Protein backbone atom coordinates (compact mmCIF):
# COMPACT_ATOMS: atom_id res chain seq x y z
CA MET A 1 66.39 140.22 275.09
CA ALA A 2 67.75 142.02 278.14
CA THR A 3 66.14 139.47 280.45
CA LEU A 4 67.63 136.59 278.48
CA ALA A 5 71.06 138.23 278.63
CA ALA A 6 70.71 138.58 282.41
CA PHE A 7 69.30 135.10 283.10
CA PRO A 8 70.42 132.72 280.31
CA ASP A 9 70.09 129.79 282.74
CA ARG A 10 66.37 130.48 283.32
CA VAL A 11 65.06 129.48 279.90
CA MET A 12 61.98 127.23 279.98
CA ARG A 13 59.38 125.84 277.60
CA ARG A 14 55.75 125.05 278.23
CA ARG A 15 54.89 121.34 278.12
CA SER A 16 52.27 122.20 275.49
CA PRO A 17 50.72 125.41 274.20
CA GLY A 18 48.83 127.12 277.02
CA SER A 19 50.08 124.66 279.66
CA SER A 20 50.72 125.96 283.17
CA GLU A 21 53.72 123.65 283.48
CA ALA A 22 57.08 124.42 281.90
CA LEU A 23 60.19 122.34 281.46
CA LEU A 24 63.29 124.10 282.76
CA ALA A 25 66.53 124.20 280.78
CA SER A 26 68.30 123.51 284.07
CA GLY A 27 66.18 120.40 284.58
CA GLY A 28 62.88 119.84 286.33
CA VAL A 29 59.46 121.41 286.03
CA ALA A 30 58.05 124.76 287.13
CA GLU A 31 54.56 126.16 287.59
CA VAL A 32 54.03 129.24 285.42
CA GLY A 33 51.00 131.42 284.73
CA VAL A 34 49.22 131.64 281.40
CA GLN A 35 50.79 135.06 280.72
CA PRO A 36 52.71 135.75 278.69
CA PRO A 37 51.28 133.17 276.29
CA ASP A 38 54.58 132.42 274.56
CA ASP A 39 55.80 128.83 274.31
CA LEU A 40 59.43 129.74 275.06
CA LEU A 41 60.01 131.83 278.19
CA CYS A 42 62.67 133.26 280.43
CA ALA A 43 61.93 133.53 284.16
CA VAL A 44 62.41 136.84 285.96
CA ASP A 45 61.02 136.14 289.43
CA VAL A 46 61.28 132.55 290.71
CA GLU A 47 60.33 131.07 294.08
CA GLU A 48 61.10 127.61 295.36
CA ARG A 49 58.55 126.16 297.78
CA SER A 50 58.31 122.99 299.80
CA LYS A 51 55.45 120.65 298.95
CA SER A 52 53.94 117.43 300.22
CA GLY A 53 51.66 114.93 298.57
CA ALA A 54 51.00 111.30 297.81
CA ARG A 55 54.55 110.87 296.51
CA GLY A 56 56.11 112.41 299.59
CA ALA A 57 57.69 115.75 300.42
CA GLY A 58 59.75 117.76 297.93
CA ARG A 59 60.40 121.17 296.41
CA ALA A 60 58.23 122.98 293.86
CA VAL A 61 59.36 125.81 291.59
CA LEU A 62 56.91 128.68 291.08
CA VAL A 63 57.59 131.30 288.41
CA ARG A 64 55.98 134.58 289.44
CA LEU A 65 57.07 136.59 286.44
CA ALA A 66 58.39 135.58 283.01
CA VAL A 67 58.87 137.09 279.60
CA GLY A 68 58.46 135.57 276.19
CA ILE A 69 61.58 135.03 274.10
CA ARG A 70 62.35 133.84 270.56
CA PRO A 71 64.47 130.78 269.78
CA GLU A 72 66.75 132.69 267.39
CA TRP A 73 67.75 135.06 270.19
CA LEU A 74 69.51 132.18 271.92
CA LEU A 75 72.01 131.91 269.07
CA ASP A 76 73.16 135.51 269.58
CA ILE A 77 72.68 136.02 273.31
CA ALA A 78 73.21 132.60 274.93
CA PRO A 79 75.09 130.37 272.46
CA ASP A 80 76.90 128.61 275.30
CA GLU A 81 73.55 127.24 276.52
CA LEU A 82 72.90 125.46 273.21
CA THR A 83 73.94 121.95 272.21
CA GLU A 84 73.25 119.84 269.15
CA ARG A 85 72.05 116.26 269.36
CA ASP A 86 72.53 113.58 266.73
CA GLU A 87 71.82 110.13 268.13
CA LEU A 88 69.93 106.88 267.63
CA GLN A 89 66.84 106.17 269.73
CA TRP A 90 64.25 103.40 269.95
CA ASN A 91 60.74 104.59 269.03
CA ALA A 92 58.36 102.35 270.98
CA ASP A 93 55.30 103.56 269.07
CA ARG A 94 56.74 102.86 265.63
CA GLN A 95 58.76 99.87 266.86
CA ARG A 96 61.93 100.95 265.12
CA VAL A 97 65.28 102.62 265.70
CA GLU A 98 65.36 106.24 264.56
CA ARG A 99 68.03 108.84 263.99
CA VAL A 100 67.14 111.88 266.10
CA ARG A 101 68.66 115.27 265.37
CA GLY A 102 67.90 118.26 267.52
CA LEU A 103 68.92 121.59 269.01
CA LEU A 104 68.73 121.77 272.80
CA CYS A 105 68.93 124.49 275.37
CA GLY A 106 69.99 122.61 278.45
CA ALA A 107 67.34 119.98 279.14
CA ILE A 108 64.70 121.34 276.74
CA THR A 109 64.42 120.61 273.03
CA LEU A 110 64.07 123.58 270.72
CA GLU A 111 64.06 121.72 267.38
CA GLU A 112 63.94 118.03 266.54
CA SER A 113 63.74 115.81 263.47
CA ARG A 114 63.32 112.02 263.30
CA GLN A 115 63.88 109.59 260.49
CA PRO A 116 64.47 105.83 260.19
CA ALA A 117 67.99 104.98 261.24
CA PRO A 118 70.38 103.35 258.77
CA PRO A 119 71.67 99.89 259.78
CA SER A 120 74.63 100.03 262.13
CA ALA A 121 76.11 98.27 265.13
CA GLU A 122 74.46 100.79 267.46
CA ALA A 123 71.07 100.33 265.76
CA ALA A 124 71.38 96.55 266.16
CA ARG A 125 72.16 96.96 269.86
CA LEU A 126 69.16 99.26 270.44
CA LEU A 127 66.82 96.93 268.55
CA ALA A 128 68.06 93.93 270.52
CA GLU A 129 67.59 95.75 273.83
CA ALA A 130 64.09 96.88 272.89
CA VAL A 131 63.00 93.46 271.66
CA GLY A 132 64.17 91.82 274.86
CA ALA A 133 62.78 94.47 277.21
CA ASN A 134 59.03 94.95 276.81
CA GLY A 135 56.10 95.68 274.55
CA ARG A 136 55.05 93.91 271.37
CA GLY A 137 58.62 93.00 270.60
CA ARG A 138 58.92 90.84 273.66
CA GLN A 139 55.59 89.13 272.98
CA GLU A 140 56.74 88.11 269.51
CA TYR A 141 60.23 87.14 270.50
CA GLY A 142 59.91 86.10 274.13
CA ALA A 143 59.85 82.27 273.95
CA ALA A 144 62.46 81.92 271.19
CA PRO A 145 65.62 82.01 273.38
CA ALA A 146 64.27 79.40 275.78
CA ILE A 147 63.25 77.09 272.93
CA LEU A 148 66.60 77.42 271.21
CA GLN A 149 68.42 76.81 274.49
CA ALA A 150 66.35 73.64 275.03
CA LYS A 151 67.17 72.45 271.50
CA LEU A 152 70.87 73.03 272.09
CA GLU A 153 70.64 71.05 275.33
CA VAL A 154 69.10 68.13 273.40
CA LEU A 155 72.02 68.29 270.96
CA ARG A 156 74.60 68.48 273.76
CA GLN A 157 73.28 65.25 275.27
CA ALA A 158 72.82 63.44 271.96
CA PHE A 159 76.09 64.55 270.35
CA PRO A 160 78.61 65.24 273.15
CA GLU A 161 81.41 65.06 270.60
CA ALA A 162 79.99 67.95 268.55
CA GLY A 163 81.02 70.72 270.95
CA VAL A 164 77.56 72.30 271.16
CA PRO A 165 77.99 75.57 273.09
CA ALA A 166 76.28 76.25 276.41
CA LEU A 167 75.50 79.94 276.09
CA ASP A 168 75.50 82.19 279.15
CA ALA A 169 73.46 85.39 279.47
CA LYS A 170 76.12 87.59 277.83
CA GLU A 171 76.55 85.19 274.93
CA TRP A 172 72.79 85.06 274.43
CA GLN A 173 72.64 88.84 274.32
CA ALA A 174 75.47 88.88 271.81
CA MET A 175 73.51 86.43 269.64
CA VAL A 176 70.40 88.61 269.84
CA VAL A 177 72.45 91.62 268.75
CA ALA A 178 73.96 89.59 265.92
CA ALA A 179 70.46 88.53 264.84
CA CYS A 180 69.54 92.21 264.60
CA GLU A 181 72.48 93.21 262.43
CA GLY A 182 71.51 94.90 259.19
CA ILE A 183 67.96 95.74 260.33
CA THR A 184 66.44 98.50 262.45
CA SER A 185 62.80 97.59 263.10
CA LEU A 186 60.65 94.90 264.67
CA ALA A 187 58.86 94.39 261.36
CA GLU A 188 62.15 93.46 259.67
CA LEU A 189 63.01 91.10 262.51
CA GLN A 190 59.65 89.36 262.20
CA ALA A 191 60.01 89.00 258.44
CA SER A 192 62.26 85.98 258.95
CA PRO A 193 62.27 83.60 261.96
CA ILE A 194 64.80 84.69 264.54
CA GLU A 195 66.11 81.12 264.73
CA ASN A 196 67.22 81.37 261.10
CA ARG A 197 69.23 84.43 262.04
CA TRP A 198 70.73 82.66 265.03
CA LEU A 199 71.82 79.71 262.91
CA ALA A 200 74.14 82.00 261.02
CA ASN A 201 75.89 82.88 264.30
CA LEU A 202 76.43 79.32 265.53
CA PRO A 203 79.34 77.09 264.51
CA ALA A 204 78.54 75.59 261.12
CA ALA A 205 78.53 71.99 262.40
CA VAL A 206 76.19 72.89 265.27
CA ALA A 207 73.86 74.84 262.97
CA ARG A 208 73.70 71.83 260.64
CA LEU A 209 72.82 69.49 263.53
CA LEU A 210 70.21 71.92 264.79
CA ARG A 211 68.62 72.13 261.35
CA ASP A 212 68.78 68.42 260.49
CA GLU A 213 68.44 66.56 263.79
CA VAL A 214 66.07 68.68 265.90
CA PRO A 215 62.90 68.94 263.82
CA GLU A 216 60.03 71.33 264.39
CA ARG A 217 57.47 68.63 263.44
CA ILE A 218 57.33 64.89 263.02
CA ARG A 219 54.95 62.74 260.98
CA LEU A 220 53.29 59.62 262.39
CA VAL A 221 52.68 56.39 260.48
CA GLY A 222 49.08 57.38 259.77
CA GLY A 223 50.12 60.70 258.24
CA ARG A 224 49.37 63.06 261.12
CA LEU A 225 51.96 65.84 261.43
CA LEU A 226 52.70 66.83 265.03
CA PRO A 227 54.73 69.73 266.47
CA VAL A 228 57.67 68.74 268.66
CA HIS A 229 57.80 70.65 271.94
CA TYR A 230 61.15 71.65 273.44
CA GLU A 231 61.30 72.87 277.04
CA ALA A 232 64.21 73.47 279.41
CA GLY A 233 64.79 70.53 281.74
CA LYS A 234 62.40 68.23 279.87
CA PRO A 235 62.90 65.71 277.08
CA PRO A 236 61.30 66.73 273.77
CA TRP A 237 57.69 65.61 273.51
CA ILE A 238 54.69 65.30 271.22
CA GLU A 239 51.04 64.71 271.91
CA SER A 240 48.13 63.25 269.98
CA ARG A 241 45.22 60.86 270.44
CA LEU A 242 46.20 57.33 271.30
CA GLN A 243 44.60 56.01 268.10
CA ASP A 244 47.02 58.10 266.01
CA PHE A 245 49.82 55.85 267.29
CA PHE A 246 48.14 52.63 266.11
CA GLY A 247 50.43 50.73 263.78
CA THR A 248 53.55 52.21 265.43
CA PRO A 249 55.39 49.39 267.26
CA ALA A 250 58.02 51.75 268.69
CA GLY A 251 57.80 55.47 269.36
CA PRO A 252 59.46 58.06 267.08
CA SER A 253 62.84 59.51 267.93
CA ILE A 254 65.12 62.32 266.80
CA CYS A 255 68.86 62.94 266.65
CA ARG A 256 69.51 59.83 264.55
CA GLY A 257 67.54 57.69 266.96
CA ARG A 258 69.51 58.78 270.03
CA VAL A 259 66.66 60.76 271.64
CA PRO A 260 63.26 59.06 271.94
CA LEU A 261 60.36 61.50 272.03
CA THR A 262 58.13 61.49 275.07
CA LEU A 263 54.60 60.68 273.95
CA HIS A 264 51.47 62.13 275.51
CA LEU A 265 48.79 59.63 274.51
CA LEU A 266 45.40 61.31 274.66
CA ALA A 267 41.90 59.93 275.08
CA PRO A 268 39.10 61.32 272.87
CA ASN A 269 38.53 64.00 275.54
CA GLN A 270 42.08 65.31 274.86
CA ARG A 271 43.36 64.21 278.28
CA ALA A 272 46.47 62.06 278.58
CA VAL A 273 45.86 58.42 279.47
CA GLN A 274 49.60 57.68 279.37
CA VAL A 275 52.88 59.58 279.11
CA THR A 276 55.74 57.41 277.93
CA SER A 277 58.97 57.38 275.94
CA ASP A 278 58.77 53.59 275.45
CA LEU A 279 55.81 52.90 273.19
CA ALA A 280 56.73 49.24 272.71
CA SER A 281 56.48 48.61 276.47
CA PHE A 282 53.22 50.54 276.62
CA TRP A 283 51.62 48.26 274.00
CA ARG A 284 52.76 45.15 275.89
CA GLN A 285 52.21 46.14 279.51
CA HIS A 286 49.71 48.96 279.81
CA TYR A 287 47.55 49.06 276.70
CA PRO A 288 45.31 46.09 277.66
CA ALA A 289 44.14 47.85 280.84
CA VAL A 290 43.92 51.24 279.13
CA ARG A 291 41.94 49.63 276.28
CA ARG A 292 39.34 48.13 278.66
CA GLU A 293 38.76 51.52 280.27
CA LEU A 294 38.54 53.34 276.93
CA CYS A 295 36.17 50.73 275.51
CA ARG A 296 33.87 51.36 278.45
CA ARG A 297 34.04 55.16 278.25
CA TYR A 298 34.13 55.54 274.45
CA PRO A 299 32.37 52.52 272.94
CA ARG A 300 31.87 54.19 269.55
CA HIS A 301 35.61 54.44 268.96
CA PRO A 302 37.64 51.48 267.67
CA TRP A 303 39.95 49.92 270.27
CA PRO A 304 41.72 46.95 268.64
CA GLU A 305 43.42 44.38 270.84
CA ASP A 306 46.87 44.93 269.31
CA GLY A 307 47.51 48.63 268.96
CA ALA A 308 51.02 48.09 267.65
CA THR A 309 49.73 46.52 264.43
CA ALA A 310 46.33 48.21 264.10
CA THR A 311 45.58 50.65 261.27
CA PRO A 312 45.64 54.25 262.46
CA PRO A 313 42.80 56.60 261.46
CA ALA A 314 43.52 58.89 258.53
CA PRO A 315 43.74 62.58 259.46
CA SER A 316 41.20 64.86 257.83
CA GLY A 317 42.07 68.17 256.17
CA ARG A 318 41.14 70.15 259.29
CA GLY A 319 43.36 68.20 261.62
CA THR A 320 40.53 66.05 263.05
CA TRP A 321 39.99 62.37 262.65
CA SER A 322 38.35 60.90 259.62
CA ALA A 323 35.15 58.97 260.30
CA LYS A 324 36.54 56.09 258.26
CA HIS A 325 38.65 53.64 260.29
C-alpha cells in the first residue's frame, strides 16, 4: 500500500496470469519477472533500455522490482487514476455491437462487462462501419452497393424525368447507416435483404420504379427463368443457351421496354456464340452462319432454320434442358 501511495502512476497488469509482459497504466508494455506472482502490480525499480530488432530501434521498459497490489486499494489510495467506461463497441468475433462497461486505471482494464447493445444511432453507425470494413460482414454485403448503384443508373437513363438520385460516397454511407437502424448485429442485417432496407430510404417514386421496373429475374418464352445482371458501366444482361431463345422474335427488355437486355447466347459448351441487344437482327443476319457452325459441332442438338419461330426446349426441374424438343 505504501508503494502504491508513492508510485500511483506505476500500476501495471500482466497480459495473462504468469506472463512476463505487463501492460502499463501509463501506456505501453514492460518486461517483468515472474515474482511476485500477482496479476496486478506496482513497479518499484524501473529501467528504460534501448533495443533493436526486425521492427527497428526503440525503447524497452524493464521492471527490476515490483510488488503485488489489490484492485480495491486503488479506490482508497489512487482514486484519481481511475476512470469508468460505458461505451458501444463492435465485437468482431460475435459480429455484433456490444455495450461495454468497465473500470480502468489509466490504460489498463480492471473490470469489464459486455452485453448486446440496445438499438441506437451510435449502434447503427458502428454496425455500418463494421459491415463495410472487413470480415464476414463485408463478404455478405460487399457487392450490394455496386449492384444498387448500377440499377439506379439504369433508371436514370430510362426515366430521366423521375429524378433518380446519383449518390456520392457520403450519401451511400448515410444509406448504409440508415439500413442498420434498429438493429445491432450482422445476423439481423442478413435476416432481410439490404436492398429492401435501402428502398425505405429512397424517394417513394424511385423506390417504386426500382421495385417494378428493374427486375431481379426475367422469364423467357419457353419458361426458363434467368437472373438479370447489373454492373456499373454496362447495360443489364442475361445469359442462356441459344436454344432457350427459340420462339422469341425480339429480345426481352425492362423499364417498360425502354432498356433492351443484352443477351449472351451460349453454345452447348456454355460459351457465348453471340452477344447482342438486338435479337431480331441476330435471327436475320447472323443466325444462318451460327447455325451452320453449331450443326457441325453439335449434330445431336436441334438447329431449326428459323430460330425466331422455333419451339424452345422446356426447362427441366434442375435447370437443365429437357430431352424432349
